[in-house]
Amino acid sequence: MKFLLGALFTVFVAIVSVFAIVTSGVVNVGADQEHSPMMFSFLETARNRSIANASKDIVVPDLEKVDISSGGADYKDMCAGCHLSPGVDKTDFSESLYPKPPNFTKAEIVKRYQTEDGAKQSFWAIKHGIMASGMPAWGASHDDARMWAMVAFIRSLPKLDEAQYTMLTTRIDGDMMDMSFDGDMNMSDDGSGMQH
């Protein structure tokens, strides 16, 4: 009985101590100060295990058949500022966030997303975001097909050079497709002209 009371008292003191530290305001939450190695390891383990557990039942579509250009356009608009693109080593966002967002142009970073479990975890993170990291929950405004296209694009990103990236991330809208020409247009050297 004394052991049980001692254990309960120890837990109570620990909870009161944590509460006192948190409410005192001495914990610096600034994004320009790194966590201690122990705290960083704790938070990284919690994040990784949480995402792995939450994503385990997700069914991965055949990502080889997903149109990566639609995912590329979304990546350029919503992700490249933090996760970078070919030829871009840093941005204001990538330099200012803590922890630093992973650089998806690096094969060693994207390697973990090449597996089925990695694809599930990548999709989950895109859909639900990650608390207190700057990673938004894109599922609030995007359907699953659109997010899977981003996963497929991210998996191919380290293989792309700047020109390929530009081609795959250019969003073609209706205005570009509806271009029309008025009047005569000379399309030949013989002066015969071609009417449109």
N, C-alpha and C. Protein backbone atom coordinates (compact mmCIF):
# COMPACT_ATOMS: atom_id res chain seq x y z
N MET A 1 0.82 -1.19 0.00
CA MET A 1 0.00 0.00 0.00
C MET A 1 0.86 1.26 0.00
N LYS A 2 1.97 1.24 0.78
CA LYS A 2 2.87 2.39 0.82
C LYS A 2 3.49 2.62 -0.56
N PHE A 3 3.82 1.52 -1.25
CA PHE A 3 4.41 1.64 -2.58
C PHE A 3 3.43 2.33 -3.54
N LEU A 4 2.17 1.92 -3.50
CA LEU A 4 1.15 2.50 -4.36
C LEU A 4 0.96 3.99 -4.06
N LEU A 5 0.92 4.35 -2.78
CA LEU A 5 0.80 5.76 -2.40
C LEU A 5 2.01 6.56 -2.86
N GLY A 6 3.19 5.96 -2.73
CA GLY A 6 4.43 6.62 -3.18
C GLY A 6 4.43 6.85 -4.68
N ALA A 7 3.96 5.84 -5.43
CA ALA A 7 3.90 5.96 -6.88
C ALA A 7 2.90 7.04 -7.29
N LEU A 8 1.73 7.05 -6.67
CA LEU A 8 0.72 8.06 -6.98
C LEU A 8 1.22 9.47 -6.64
N PHE A 9 1.92 9.60 -5.52
CA PHE A 9 2.47 10.89 -5.12
C PHE A 9 3.51 11.35 -6.14
N THR A 10 4.36 10.44 -6.61
CA THR A 10 5.39 10.77 -7.60
C THR A 10 4.75 11.24 -8.90
N VAL A 11 3.71 10.55 -9.35
CA VAL A 11 3.00 10.95 -10.57
C VAL A 11 2.36 12.33 -10.38
N PHE A 12 1.76 12.55 -9.22
CA PHE A 12 1.12 13.83 -8.93
C PHE A 12 2.15 14.96 -8.96
N VAL A 13 3.31 14.76 -8.33
CA VAL A 13 4.36 15.78 -8.31
C VAL A 13 4.87 16.05 -9.73
N ALA A 14 5.01 14.99 -10.53
CA ALA A 14 5.47 15.17 -11.92
C ALA A 14 4.48 16.00 -12.73
N ILE A 15 3.18 15.70 -12.57
CA ILE A 15 2.15 16.44 -13.31
C ILE A 15 2.12 17.90 -12.87
N VAL A 16 2.19 18.16 -11.58
CA VAL A 16 2.19 19.53 -11.06
C VAL A 16 3.43 20.27 -11.54
N SER A 17 4.59 19.59 -11.56
CA SER A 17 5.84 20.22 -12.01
C SER A 17 5.75 20.62 -13.48
N VAL A 18 5.26 19.71 -14.34
CA VAL A 18 5.12 20.01 -15.77
C VAL A 18 4.15 21.18 -15.95
N PHE A 19 3.03 21.15 -15.23
CA PHE A 19 2.05 22.23 -15.31
C PHE A 19 2.68 23.56 -14.90
N ALA A 20 3.46 23.55 -13.84
CA ALA A 20 4.09 24.78 -13.35
C ALA A 20 5.09 25.31 -14.38
N ILE A 21 5.86 24.43 -14.99
CA ILE A 21 6.84 24.87 -15.99
C ILE A 21 6.13 25.45 -17.21
N VAL A 22 5.10 24.75 -17.70
CA VAL A 22 4.38 25.19 -18.90
C VAL A 22 3.70 26.54 -18.66
N THR A 23 3.03 26.68 -17.53
CA THR A 23 2.29 27.92 -17.28
C THR A 23 3.18 29.08 -16.86
N SER A 24 4.43 28.81 -16.48
CA SER A 24 5.33 29.89 -16.08
C SER A 24 5.80 30.73 -17.26
N GLY A 25 5.75 30.16 -18.49
CA GLY A 25 6.20 30.89 -19.67
C GLY A 25 7.69 30.80 -19.91
N VAL A 26 8.41 29.98 -19.17
CA VAL A 26 9.86 29.89 -19.36
C VAL A 26 10.24 29.03 -20.57
N VAL A 27 9.29 28.24 -21.08
CA VAL A 27 9.58 27.40 -22.24
C VAL A 27 9.54 28.29 -23.48
N ASN A 28 10.66 28.37 -24.19
CA ASN A 28 10.75 29.19 -25.40
C ASN A 28 10.16 28.40 -26.57
N VAL A 29 9.11 28.92 -27.19
CA VAL A 29 8.49 28.24 -28.32
C VAL A 29 8.85 28.91 -29.65
N GLY A 30 9.84 29.77 -29.64
CA GLY A 30 10.28 30.44 -30.86
C GLY A 30 10.82 29.43 -31.87
N ALA A 31 10.48 29.64 -33.15
CA ALA A 31 10.93 28.74 -34.22
C ALA A 31 12.39 28.96 -34.59
N ASP A 32 13.03 29.95 -33.98
CA ASP A 32 14.44 30.20 -34.27
C ASP A 32 15.36 29.60 -33.21
N GLN A 33 14.82 28.78 -32.35
CA GLN A 33 15.63 28.09 -31.34
C GLN A 33 15.36 26.59 -31.46
N GLU A 34 16.43 25.81 -31.56
CA GLU A 34 16.28 24.37 -31.71
C GLU A 34 15.90 23.72 -30.39
N HIS A 35 15.21 22.57 -30.51
CA HIS A 35 14.92 21.76 -29.33
C HIS A 35 16.21 21.12 -28.82
N SER A 36 16.21 20.70 -27.57
CA SER A 36 17.33 19.91 -27.08
C SER A 36 17.29 18.59 -27.84
N PRO A 37 18.43 17.90 -27.96
CA PRO A 37 18.45 16.61 -28.69
C PRO A 37 17.43 15.61 -28.13
N MET A 38 17.26 15.57 -26.82
CA MET A 38 16.31 14.63 -26.23
C MET A 38 14.87 15.00 -26.61
N MET A 39 14.52 16.29 -26.55
CA MET A 39 13.18 16.74 -26.91
C MET A 39 12.94 16.52 -28.40
N PHE A 40 13.93 16.82 -29.24
CA PHE A 40 13.78 16.63 -30.69
C PHE A 40 13.52 15.16 -31.00
N SER A 41 14.30 14.28 -30.37
CA SER A 41 14.12 12.85 -30.59
C SER A 41 12.74 12.39 -30.14
N PHE A 42 12.28 12.90 -29.00
CA PHE A 42 10.96 12.55 -28.48
C PHE A 42 9.87 12.98 -29.46
N LEU A 43 9.94 14.23 -29.93
CA LEU A 43 8.92 14.75 -30.83
C LEU A 43 8.95 14.05 -32.19
N GLU A 44 10.16 13.79 -32.69
CA GLU A 44 10.29 13.10 -33.99
C GLU A 44 9.75 11.68 -33.91
N THR A 45 10.04 10.98 -32.81
CA THR A 45 9.51 9.63 -32.62
C THR A 45 7.99 9.66 -32.51
N ALA A 46 7.46 10.60 -31.74
CA ALA A 46 6.01 10.72 -31.59
C ALA A 46 5.35 11.00 -32.94
N ARG A 47 5.93 11.91 -33.72
CA ARG A 47 5.38 12.23 -35.05
C ARG A 47 5.41 11.02 -35.97
N ASN A 48 6.57 10.37 -36.07
CA ASN A 48 6.71 9.23 -36.98
C ASN A 48 5.80 8.07 -36.60
N ARG A 49 5.72 7.77 -35.31
CA ARG A 49 4.86 6.66 -34.86
C ARG A 49 3.39 7.01 -35.05
N SER A 50 3.02 8.25 -34.80
CA SER A 50 1.63 8.67 -34.98
C SER A 50 1.21 8.54 -36.43
N ILE A 51 2.04 9.04 -37.36
CA ILE A 51 1.71 8.97 -38.79
C ILE A 51 1.67 7.51 -39.26
N ALA A 52 2.63 6.70 -38.82
CA ALA A 52 2.65 5.29 -39.21
C ALA A 52 1.38 4.58 -38.73
N ASN A 53 0.97 4.84 -37.51
CA ASN A 53 -0.23 4.21 -36.96
C ASN A 53 -1.49 4.70 -37.66
N ALA A 54 -1.60 6.01 -37.88
CA ALA A 54 -2.81 6.59 -38.48
C ALA A 54 -2.95 6.22 -39.96
N SER A 55 -1.85 5.91 -40.64
CA SER A 55 -1.90 5.66 -42.08
C SER A 55 -1.92 4.18 -42.45
N LYS A 56 -1.86 3.30 -41.46
CA LYS A 56 -1.66 1.87 -41.76
C LYS A 56 -2.77 1.24 -42.59
N ASP A 57 -4.00 1.75 -42.54
CA ASP A 57 -5.11 1.14 -43.26
C ASP A 57 -5.43 1.85 -44.58
N ILE A 58 -4.62 2.81 -44.98
CA ILE A 58 -4.85 3.52 -46.23
C ILE A 58 -4.53 2.58 -47.40
N VAL A 59 -5.38 2.58 -48.40
CA VAL A 59 -5.16 1.76 -49.60
C VAL A 59 -4.47 2.64 -50.64
N VAL A 60 -3.30 2.20 -51.09
CA VAL A 60 -2.51 2.95 -52.05
C VAL A 60 -2.94 2.58 -53.47
N PRO A 61 -3.31 3.57 -54.29
CA PRO A 61 -3.64 3.25 -55.68
C PRO A 61 -2.37 2.92 -56.46
N ASP A 62 -2.51 2.49 -57.70
CA ASP A 62 -1.35 2.23 -58.55
C ASP A 62 -0.74 3.57 -58.93
N LEU A 63 0.31 3.95 -58.23
CA LEU A 63 0.89 5.28 -58.43
C LEU A 63 1.61 5.41 -59.77
N GLU A 64 1.87 4.28 -60.45
CA GLU A 64 2.46 4.33 -61.78
C GLU A 64 1.45 4.85 -62.80
N LYS A 65 0.15 4.75 -62.49
CA LYS A 65 -0.90 5.19 -63.41
C LYS A 65 -1.45 6.57 -63.07
N VAL A 66 -0.91 7.20 -62.05
CA VAL A 66 -1.38 8.52 -61.63
C VAL A 66 -0.69 9.58 -62.47
N ASP A 67 -1.44 10.59 -62.92
CA ASP A 67 -0.90 11.69 -63.71
C ASP A 67 -0.06 12.61 -62.82
N ILE A 68 1.26 12.50 -62.94
CA ILE A 68 2.11 13.30 -62.05
C ILE A 68 2.12 14.77 -62.41
N SER A 69 1.70 15.12 -63.65
CA SER A 69 1.72 16.55 -64.00
C SER A 69 0.66 17.32 -63.20
N SER A 70 -0.49 16.70 -62.91
CA SER A 70 -1.47 17.40 -62.07
C SER A 70 -0.94 17.55 -60.65
N GLY A 71 -0.25 16.54 -60.17
CA GLY A 71 0.38 16.65 -58.86
C GLY A 71 1.52 17.65 -58.87
N GLY A 72 2.21 17.75 -60.01
CA GLY A 72 3.32 18.70 -60.14
C GLY A 72 2.87 20.13 -60.04
N ALA A 73 1.74 20.45 -60.71
CA ALA A 73 1.23 21.82 -60.66
C ALA A 73 0.84 22.19 -59.23
N ASP A 74 0.19 21.25 -58.52
CA ASP A 74 -0.16 21.52 -57.13
C ASP A 74 1.09 21.63 -56.26
N TYR A 75 2.08 20.76 -56.51
CA TYR A 75 3.33 20.83 -55.74
C TYR A 75 3.97 22.21 -55.90
N LYS A 76 4.05 22.69 -57.14
CA LYS A 76 4.68 23.99 -57.39
C LYS A 76 3.94 25.10 -56.64
N ASP A 77 2.59 25.06 -56.68
CA ASP A 77 1.79 26.10 -56.04
C ASP A 77 1.80 26.03 -54.52
N MET A 78 1.81 24.83 -53.96
CA MET A 78 1.57 24.68 -52.52
C MET A 78 2.75 24.13 -51.72
N CYS A 79 3.70 23.46 -52.36
CA CYS A 79 4.72 22.75 -51.59
C CYS A 79 6.15 23.26 -51.81
N ALA A 80 6.44 23.71 -53.03
CA ALA A 80 7.83 24.03 -53.39
C ALA A 80 8.44 25.13 -52.53
N GLY A 81 7.63 26.04 -52.01
CA GLY A 81 8.16 27.10 -51.17
C GLY A 81 8.86 26.57 -49.92
N CYS A 82 8.39 25.44 -49.42
CA CYS A 82 9.00 24.82 -48.23
C CYS A 82 9.89 23.63 -48.59
N HIS A 83 9.41 22.78 -49.51
CA HIS A 83 10.09 21.51 -49.80
C HIS A 83 11.03 21.59 -50.99
N LEU A 84 11.12 22.77 -51.63
CA LEU A 84 12.08 23.12 -52.67
C LEU A 84 11.81 22.44 -54.01
N SER A 85 12.61 22.82 -55.01
CA SER A 85 12.47 22.32 -56.37
C SER A 85 13.86 22.24 -57.00
N PRO A 86 14.01 21.54 -58.12
CA PRO A 86 15.33 21.43 -58.75
C PRO A 86 15.94 22.80 -59.01
N GLY A 87 17.18 22.96 -58.62
CA GLY A 87 17.90 24.22 -58.80
C GLY A 87 17.66 25.25 -57.72
N VAL A 88 16.75 24.97 -56.78
CA VAL A 88 16.46 25.91 -55.69
C VAL A 88 16.91 25.25 -54.37
N ASP A 89 17.94 25.80 -53.77
CA ASP A 89 18.50 25.22 -52.55
C ASP A 89 17.83 25.72 -51.27
N LYS A 90 17.21 26.90 -51.34
CA LYS A 90 16.55 27.43 -50.16
C LYS A 90 15.56 28.51 -50.57
N THR A 91 14.57 28.72 -49.70
CA THR A 91 13.61 29.81 -49.88
C THR A 91 13.44 30.47 -48.51
N ASP A 92 12.72 31.55 -48.47
CA ASP A 92 12.46 32.19 -47.18
C ASP A 92 11.73 31.22 -46.24
N PHE A 93 10.76 30.47 -46.78
CA PHE A 93 10.03 29.51 -45.95
C PHE A 93 10.94 28.39 -45.46
N SER A 94 11.71 27.79 -46.38
CA SER A 94 12.53 26.64 -45.99
C SER A 94 13.58 27.01 -44.96
N GLU A 95 14.03 28.25 -45.01
CA GLU A 95 15.04 28.71 -44.05
C GLU A 95 14.44 29.15 -42.72
N SER A 96 13.17 29.51 -42.72
CA SER A 96 12.56 30.11 -41.52
C SER A 96 11.78 29.13 -40.66
N LEU A 97 11.43 27.97 -41.18
CA LEU A 97 10.64 27.02 -40.40
C LEU A 97 11.51 26.13 -39.53
N TYR A 98 10.99 25.76 -38.39
CA TYR A 98 11.65 24.80 -37.51
C TYR A 98 10.58 23.86 -36.96
N PRO A 99 10.79 22.56 -37.12
CA PRO A 99 11.93 21.94 -37.80
C PRO A 99 11.90 22.20 -39.30
N LYS A 100 13.07 22.08 -39.93
CA LYS A 100 13.20 22.34 -41.35
C LYS A 100 12.36 21.33 -42.14
N PRO A 101 11.62 21.79 -43.14
CA PRO A 101 10.87 20.85 -43.99
C PRO A 101 11.84 19.98 -44.78
N PRO A 102 11.47 18.72 -45.03
CA PRO A 102 12.37 17.87 -45.83
C PRO A 102 12.49 18.40 -47.26
N ASN A 103 13.69 18.30 -47.81
CA ASN A 103 13.97 18.74 -49.18
C ASN A 103 13.66 17.58 -50.12
N PHE A 104 12.52 17.66 -50.83
CA PHE A 104 12.07 16.56 -51.67
C PHE A 104 12.81 16.45 -53.00
N THR A 105 13.82 17.29 -53.23
CA THR A 105 14.64 17.11 -54.43
C THR A 105 15.78 16.13 -54.16
N LYS A 106 15.94 15.73 -52.91
CA LYS A 106 17.02 14.83 -52.50
C LYS A 106 16.53 13.38 -52.49
N ALA A 107 17.21 12.52 -53.26
CA ALA A 107 16.80 11.11 -53.38
C ALA A 107 16.80 10.41 -52.04
N GLU A 108 17.75 10.72 -51.16
CA GLU A 108 17.83 10.04 -49.87
C GLU A 108 16.65 10.39 -48.96
N ILE A 109 16.07 11.56 -49.15
CA ILE A 109 14.88 11.97 -48.38
C ILE A 109 13.64 11.27 -48.93
N VAL A 110 13.48 11.27 -50.25
CA VAL A 110 12.29 10.72 -50.89
C VAL A 110 12.30 9.19 -50.90
N LYS A 111 13.45 8.60 -50.68
CA LYS A 111 13.57 7.13 -50.69
C LYS A 111 12.54 6.49 -49.75
N ARG A 112 12.29 7.09 -48.61
CA ARG A 112 11.35 6.50 -47.65
C ARG A 112 9.92 6.47 -48.17
N TYR A 113 9.59 7.34 -49.15
CA TYR A 113 8.24 7.39 -49.71
C TYR A 113 8.06 6.44 -50.90
N GLN A 114 9.13 5.74 -51.29
CA GLN A 114 9.04 4.81 -52.42
C GLN A 114 8.35 3.50 -52.04
N THR A 115 8.30 3.19 -50.75
CA THR A 115 7.64 1.97 -50.30
C THR A 115 6.14 2.21 -50.16
N GLU A 116 5.37 1.12 -50.03
CA GLU A 116 3.92 1.28 -49.85
C GLU A 116 3.62 1.99 -48.53
N ASP A 117 4.32 1.61 -47.45
CA ASP A 117 4.09 2.29 -46.17
C ASP A 117 4.48 3.77 -46.27
N GLY A 118 5.57 4.05 -46.97
CA GLY A 118 5.99 5.44 -47.15
C GLY A 118 4.97 6.24 -47.94
N ALA A 119 4.37 5.63 -48.97
CA ALA A 119 3.34 6.32 -49.75
C ALA A 119 2.12 6.61 -48.88
N LYS A 120 1.74 5.64 -48.05
CA LYS A 120 0.61 5.84 -47.13
C LYS A 120 0.89 7.01 -46.19
N GLN A 121 2.10 7.03 -45.63
CA GLN A 121 2.45 8.07 -44.66
C GLN A 121 2.54 9.45 -45.33
N SER A 122 3.06 9.49 -46.55
CA SER A 122 3.14 10.75 -47.28
C SER A 122 1.73 11.28 -47.57
N PHE A 123 0.86 10.41 -48.03
CA PHE A 123 -0.53 10.80 -48.31
C PHE A 123 -1.20 11.31 -47.04
N TRP A 124 -1.02 10.60 -45.93
CA TRP A 124 -1.65 11.00 -44.66
C TRP A 124 -1.16 12.39 -44.25
N ALA A 125 0.16 12.62 -44.36
CA ALA A 125 0.71 13.92 -43.95
C ALA A 125 0.18 15.05 -44.84
N ILE A 126 0.06 14.79 -46.14
CA ILE A 126 -0.49 15.81 -47.04
C ILE A 126 -1.95 16.08 -46.69
N LYS A 127 -2.72 15.03 -46.43
CA LYS A 127 -4.14 15.18 -46.17
C LYS A 127 -4.43 15.84 -44.82
N HIS A 128 -3.72 15.40 -43.78
CA HIS A 128 -4.04 15.84 -42.42
C HIS A 128 -3.10 16.90 -41.85
N GLY A 129 -1.96 17.13 -42.50
CA GLY A 129 -0.99 18.09 -41.99
C GLY A 129 -0.30 17.58 -40.73
N ILE A 130 0.59 18.39 -40.19
CA ILE A 130 1.32 18.01 -38.98
C ILE A 130 1.29 19.20 -38.03
N MET A 131 0.74 18.97 -36.86
CA MET A 131 0.60 20.03 -35.85
C MET A 131 1.92 20.72 -35.54
N ALA A 132 1.85 22.03 -35.38
CA ALA A 132 2.98 22.85 -34.92
C ALA A 132 4.24 22.65 -35.76
N SER A 133 4.06 22.39 -37.07
CA SER A 133 5.23 22.22 -37.93
C SER A 133 5.18 23.13 -39.15
N GLY A 134 4.05 23.75 -39.40
CA GLY A 134 3.88 24.54 -40.61
C GLY A 134 3.30 23.74 -41.76
N MET A 135 3.13 22.41 -41.59
CA MET A 135 2.57 21.57 -42.65
C MET A 135 1.04 21.63 -42.61
N PRO A 136 0.41 22.24 -43.65
CA PRO A 136 -1.05 22.38 -43.65
C PRO A 136 -1.76 21.06 -43.92
N ALA A 137 -3.03 21.00 -43.59
CA ALA A 137 -3.89 19.85 -43.88
C ALA A 137 -4.60 20.11 -45.20
N TRP A 138 -4.01 19.65 -46.32
CA TRP A 138 -4.57 19.92 -47.63
C TRP A 138 -5.87 19.16 -47.89
N GLY A 139 -6.20 18.19 -47.06
CA GLY A 139 -7.46 17.47 -47.21
C GLY A 139 -8.67 18.35 -47.00
N ALA A 140 -8.50 19.49 -46.39
CA ALA A 140 -9.61 20.41 -46.19
C ALA A 140 -10.07 21.03 -47.51
N SER A 141 -9.18 21.07 -48.51
CA SER A 141 -9.53 21.72 -49.77
C SER A 141 -9.26 20.87 -51.01
N HIS A 142 -8.75 19.66 -50.82
CA HIS A 142 -8.40 18.81 -51.97
C HIS A 142 -9.02 17.42 -51.82
N ASP A 143 -9.37 16.80 -52.95
CA ASP A 143 -9.87 15.43 -52.88
C ASP A 143 -8.69 14.45 -52.89
N ASP A 144 -8.99 13.20 -52.58
CA ASP A 144 -7.93 12.19 -52.45
C ASP A 144 -7.14 12.02 -53.74
N ALA A 145 -7.81 12.03 -54.89
CA ALA A 145 -7.11 11.82 -56.16
C ALA A 145 -6.04 12.90 -56.37
N ARG A 146 -6.36 14.11 -56.01
CA ARG A 146 -5.41 15.21 -56.17
C ARG A 146 -4.21 15.04 -55.24
N MET A 147 -4.45 14.55 -54.03
CA MET A 147 -3.34 14.35 -53.09
C MET A 147 -2.48 13.16 -53.50
N TRP A 148 -3.10 12.09 -54.04
CA TRP A 148 -2.30 10.97 -54.54
C TRP A 148 -1.41 11.42 -55.70
N ALA A 149 -1.90 12.33 -56.53
CA ALA A 149 -1.09 12.87 -57.63
C ALA A 149 0.13 13.60 -57.08
N MET A 150 -0.03 14.30 -55.95
CA MET A 150 1.12 14.96 -55.31
C MET A 150 2.11 13.92 -54.78
N VAL A 151 1.59 12.84 -54.18
CA VAL A 151 2.48 11.77 -53.69
C VAL A 151 3.29 11.21 -54.85
N ALA A 152 2.62 10.90 -55.97
CA ALA A 152 3.30 10.35 -57.14
C ALA A 152 4.35 11.32 -57.66
N PHE A 153 4.02 12.61 -57.68
CA PHE A 153 4.97 13.61 -58.15
C PHE A 153 6.19 13.69 -57.23
N ILE A 154 5.96 13.72 -55.93
CA ILE A 154 7.06 13.81 -54.97
C ILE A 154 8.01 12.63 -55.14
N ARG A 155 7.47 11.43 -55.39
CA ARG A 155 8.30 10.25 -55.58
C ARG A 155 9.20 10.38 -56.81
N SER A 156 8.78 11.15 -57.82
CA SER A 156 9.58 11.30 -59.04
C SER A 156 10.48 12.54 -59.00
N LEU A 157 10.25 13.43 -58.06
CA LEU A 157 10.93 14.74 -58.03
C LEU A 157 12.46 14.66 -58.03
N PRO A 158 13.10 13.77 -57.27
CA PRO A 158 14.58 13.78 -57.28
C PRO A 158 15.19 13.45 -58.65
N LYS A 159 14.44 12.85 -59.54
CA LYS A 159 14.95 12.47 -60.86
C LYS A 159 14.82 13.60 -61.88
N LEU A 160 14.13 14.68 -61.53
CA LEU A 160 13.84 15.75 -62.48
C LEU A 160 14.91 16.83 -62.47
N ASP A 161 15.23 17.33 -63.69
CA ASP A 161 16.07 18.52 -63.75
C ASP A 161 15.15 19.74 -63.82
N GLU A 162 15.72 20.92 -63.91
CA GLU A 162 14.92 22.15 -63.86
C GLU A 162 13.93 22.24 -65.03
N ALA A 163 14.36 21.85 -66.24
CA ALA A 163 13.48 21.93 -67.41
C ALA A 163 12.32 20.94 -67.28
N GLN A 164 12.60 19.73 -66.85
CA GLN A 164 11.54 18.73 -66.67
C GLN A 164 10.56 19.19 -65.59
N TYR A 165 11.10 19.74 -64.51
CA TYR A 165 10.25 20.24 -63.43
C TYR A 165 9.31 21.33 -63.95
N THR A 166 9.85 22.26 -64.73
CA THR A 166 9.03 23.34 -65.28
C THR A 166 7.93 22.79 -66.16
N MET A 167 8.26 21.82 -67.01
CA MET A 167 7.24 21.23 -67.89
C MET A 167 6.14 20.53 -67.09
N LEU A 168 6.52 19.80 -66.06
CA LEU A 168 5.55 19.02 -65.29
C LEU A 168 4.77 19.85 -64.28
N THR A 169 5.19 21.06 -64.03
CA THR A 169 4.50 21.87 -63.02
C THR A 169 3.76 23.07 -63.61
N THR A 170 3.78 23.20 -64.92
CA THR A 170 3.07 24.30 -65.56
C THR A 170 1.59 23.95 -65.64
N ARG A 171 0.80 24.79 -65.02
CA ARG A 171 -0.65 24.56 -65.01
C ARG A 171 -1.24 25.14 -66.29
N ILE A 172 -1.90 24.31 -67.07
CA ILE A 172 -2.55 24.75 -68.30
C ILE A 172 -4.01 25.00 -67.98
N ASP A 173 -4.43 26.25 -68.13
CA ASP A 173 -5.82 26.58 -67.81
C ASP A 173 -6.62 26.82 -69.08
N GLY A 174 -7.89 27.03 -68.92
CA GLY A 174 -8.80 27.21 -70.05
C GLY A 174 -8.42 28.38 -70.93
N ASP A 175 -7.89 29.46 -70.36
CA ASP A 175 -7.51 30.62 -71.16
C ASP A 175 -6.39 30.26 -72.14
N MET A 176 -5.47 29.42 -71.72
CA MET A 176 -4.39 29.03 -72.62
C MET A 176 -4.90 28.14 -73.75
N MET A 177 -5.89 27.30 -73.45
CA MET A 177 -6.42 26.37 -74.44
C MET A 177 -7.39 27.05 -75.40
N ASP A 178 -7.98 28.18 -75.02
CA ASP A 178 -8.98 28.86 -75.84
C ASP A 178 -8.39 30.00 -76.67
N MET A 179 -7.09 30.01 -76.85
CA MET A 179 -6.48 31.08 -77.64
C MET A 179 -7.00 31.01 -79.07
N SER A 180 -7.36 32.15 -79.61
CA SER A 180 -7.83 32.19 -81.00
C SER A 180 -7.16 33.37 -81.69
N PHE A 181 -7.13 33.27 -83.01
CA PHE A 181 -6.50 34.33 -83.79
C PHE A 181 -7.55 34.99 -84.66
N ASP A 182 -7.52 36.29 -84.76
CA ASP A 182 -8.44 37.02 -85.63
C ASP A 182 -7.70 37.42 -86.90
N GLY A 183 -8.39 37.32 -88.02
CA GLY A 183 -7.83 37.80 -89.28
C GLY A 183 -6.92 36.80 -89.93
N ASP A 184 -6.17 37.30 -90.90
CA ASP A 184 -5.27 36.45 -91.69
C ASP A 184 -3.93 36.33 -90.99
N MET A 185 -3.34 35.18 -91.14
CA MET A 185 -2.02 34.96 -90.58
C MET A 185 -1.18 34.29 -91.64
N ASN A 186 -0.08 34.86 -91.98
CA ASN A 186 0.79 34.28 -92.99
C ASN A 186 1.66 33.22 -92.35
N MET A 187 1.43 31.96 -92.72
CA MET A 187 2.16 30.84 -92.13
C MET A 187 3.14 30.21 -93.11
N SER A 188 3.32 30.83 -94.29
CA SER A 188 4.23 30.23 -95.26
C SER A 188 5.13 31.30 -95.85
N ASP A 189 6.23 30.86 -96.41
CA ASP A 189 7.17 31.78 -97.03
C ASP A 189 6.75 32.20 -98.43
N ASP A 190 5.81 31.47 -99.04
CA ASP A 190 5.44 31.78 -100.43
C ASP A 190 4.38 32.86 -100.53
N GLY A 191 3.96 33.41 -99.42
CA GLY A 191 3.00 34.51 -99.44
C GLY A 191 1.58 34.08 -99.64
N SER A 192 1.31 32.76 -99.70
CA SER A 192 -0.06 32.29 -99.94
C SER A 192 -0.93 32.52 -98.71
N GLY A 193 -0.36 32.56 -97.58
CA GLY A 193 -1.11 32.82 -96.33
C GLY A 193 -1.96 31.65 -95.90
N MET A 194 -2.42 31.73 -94.70
CA MET A 194 -3.27 30.68 -94.12
C MET A 194 -4.31 31.37 -93.28
N GLN A 195 -5.55 31.06 -93.48
CA GLN A 195 -6.62 31.72 -92.76
C GLN A 195 -7.00 30.93 -91.53
N HIS A 196 -7.25 31.67 -90.42
CA HIS A 196 -7.75 31.03 -89.16
C HIS A 196 -9.04 31.66 -88.79
